[in-house]
Each structure stands twice: as structure tokens, then as C-alpha cells.
Protein backbone atom coordinates (compact mmCIF):
# COMPACT_ATOMS: atom_id res chain seq x y z
CA MET A 1 72.67 81.72 45.00
CA ASP A 2 75.46 79.98 44.41
CA ALA A 3 78.61 78.03 45.94
CA GLN A 4 80.69 81.40 46.70
CA THR A 5 76.78 83.36 48.03
CA ARG A 6 77.74 84.53 51.87
CA LEU A 7 73.83 83.87 54.49
CA CYS A 8 73.54 85.12 58.16
CA HIS A 9 70.23 84.00 60.38
CA SER A 10 67.33 87.00 58.93
CA PRO A 11 66.37 89.42 61.59
CA ASP A 12 62.48 87.94 61.53
CA ALA A 13 63.79 84.57 62.31
CA THR A 14 64.25 83.40 65.53
CA PHE A 15 65.90 80.03 66.50
CA GLN A 16 66.13 77.12 69.49
CA ILE A 17 68.17 73.62 69.32
CA VAL A 18 66.41 70.86 71.63
CA ALA A 19 67.59 67.98 71.21
CA GLY A 20 70.41 68.39 67.99
CA GLU A 21 68.21 70.11 65.58
CA ALA A 22 66.95 73.63 65.10
CA ILE A 23 63.83 74.51 65.18
CA LEU A 24 63.46 78.02 63.78
CA ILE A 25 60.48 80.24 63.11
CA HIS A 26 60.02 83.26 61.41
CA LEU A 27 58.79 85.78 63.62
CA GLN A 28 56.40 87.29 60.55
CA THR A 29 54.34 84.34 59.88
CA GLY A 30 54.44 82.41 63.23
CA TYR A 31 55.44 79.71 60.52
CA TYR A 32 57.97 76.79 61.79
CA TYR A 33 60.14 74.74 60.15
CA SER A 34 62.46 72.08 61.92
CA LEU A 35 66.29 71.31 60.53
CA ASN A 36 68.00 68.20 60.53
CA ASP A 37 71.60 67.53 62.25
CA VAL A 38 73.26 68.45 58.45
CA GLY A 39 70.86 71.60 58.58
CA THR A 40 71.47 71.89 62.20
CA ARG A 41 74.87 72.92 61.58
CA PHE A 42 74.68 74.35 58.24
CA TRP A 43 72.27 77.21 60.48
CA GLU A 44 75.34 77.46 63.07
CA LEU A 45 77.86 78.90 60.70
CA LEU A 46 75.49 81.00 59.05
CA ASP A 47 77.22 84.37 59.20
CA GLY A 48 77.42 86.04 56.95
CA GLN A 49 81.19 85.52 56.49
CA ARG A 50 81.33 82.22 54.67
CA SER A 51 80.60 81.09 51.88
CA VAL A 52 78.21 78.81 51.32
CA ALA A 53 81.44 76.47 50.06
CA ASP A 54 82.76 77.65 52.86
CA CYS A 55 79.95 75.35 54.94
CA ALA A 56 79.73 72.96 52.94
CA THR A 57 83.25 72.29 53.81
CA VAL A 58 83.20 71.84 57.15
CA ILE A 59 79.97 70.17 57.24
CA ALA A 60 82.22 67.71 54.43
CA GLY A 61 84.38 66.99 57.07
CA GLU A 62 82.21 66.62 60.86
CA TYR A 63 80.95 64.16 58.40
CA ASN A 64 83.14 61.74 57.05
CA ALA A 65 80.98 62.79 52.98
CA PRO A 66 81.47 63.48 49.56
CA GLY A 67 82.04 67.86 49.59
CA THR A 68 79.83 67.98 45.61
CA VAL A 69 77.13 66.05 48.23
CA ILE A 70 76.89 68.09 51.11
CA LEU A 71 77.80 71.57 48.62
CA SER A 72 74.28 70.19 46.44
CA ASP A 73 72.64 69.51 49.75
CA LEU A 74 73.56 73.47 51.41
CA LEU A 75 72.89 75.25 47.89
CA GLU A 76 69.53 73.24 48.41
CA LEU A 77 68.77 74.47 52.22
CA ALA A 78 69.74 77.79 51.84
CA THR A 79 68.52 78.01 48.59
CA ASP A 80 64.85 77.35 51.18
CA LEU A 81 66.22 79.85 53.94
CA HIS A 82 65.96 82.41 51.79
CA THR A 83 62.84 82.26 49.96
CA GLU A 84 60.87 82.11 52.87
CA GLY A 85 62.56 85.06 54.22
CA LEU A 86 64.88 83.04 57.12
CA ALA A 87 68.22 83.51 55.78
CA ALA A 88 69.57 86.83 54.77
CA VAL A 89 72.16 87.82 52.19
């Protein structure tokens, strides 16, 4: 997983936004996951067109945060989402 990776939602995942946070459910395992507000925004941006770096730029601008910190956090989250089968390349 690197900054140029483009992810989209896995067909094995469904989600609902509840009180501003995404609740993700893996349809095959039944496991569920929750994302904080930044993670939820990242999830909303995962369309298979934007790279992780593109998403980091958008989020850094929205939260007035350092892009390098956001990118690092998103790369970790992207890896976790992919490993858990919630996001696909």
C-alpha cells in the first residue's frame, strides 16, 4: 500500500453513517468496525478514482492539518481496511 494506491469499497462491505461516524459491516464475516470522523471522511472519498494521497490532501485541507501526518494515518487505515476485506484496490 502506498500513497498512489486507489481504493474503493469492497462488495463484501456495507456501511451506515451514524452520528457522523461510519459503521462498516463485512457481509461475509459479520464483523463490524467503526471509524472516527477523519476515517469516515476517508471512507466517503474512497471511489477508486482518488489515490490515498489525493484523499489526504482533501482531508488535510478540511481539517487544517499537516498533510504528511494525515497521509501517514490514512496509509495505515487503508492497509487495515484492505486487510480486513472492507476496501479493494
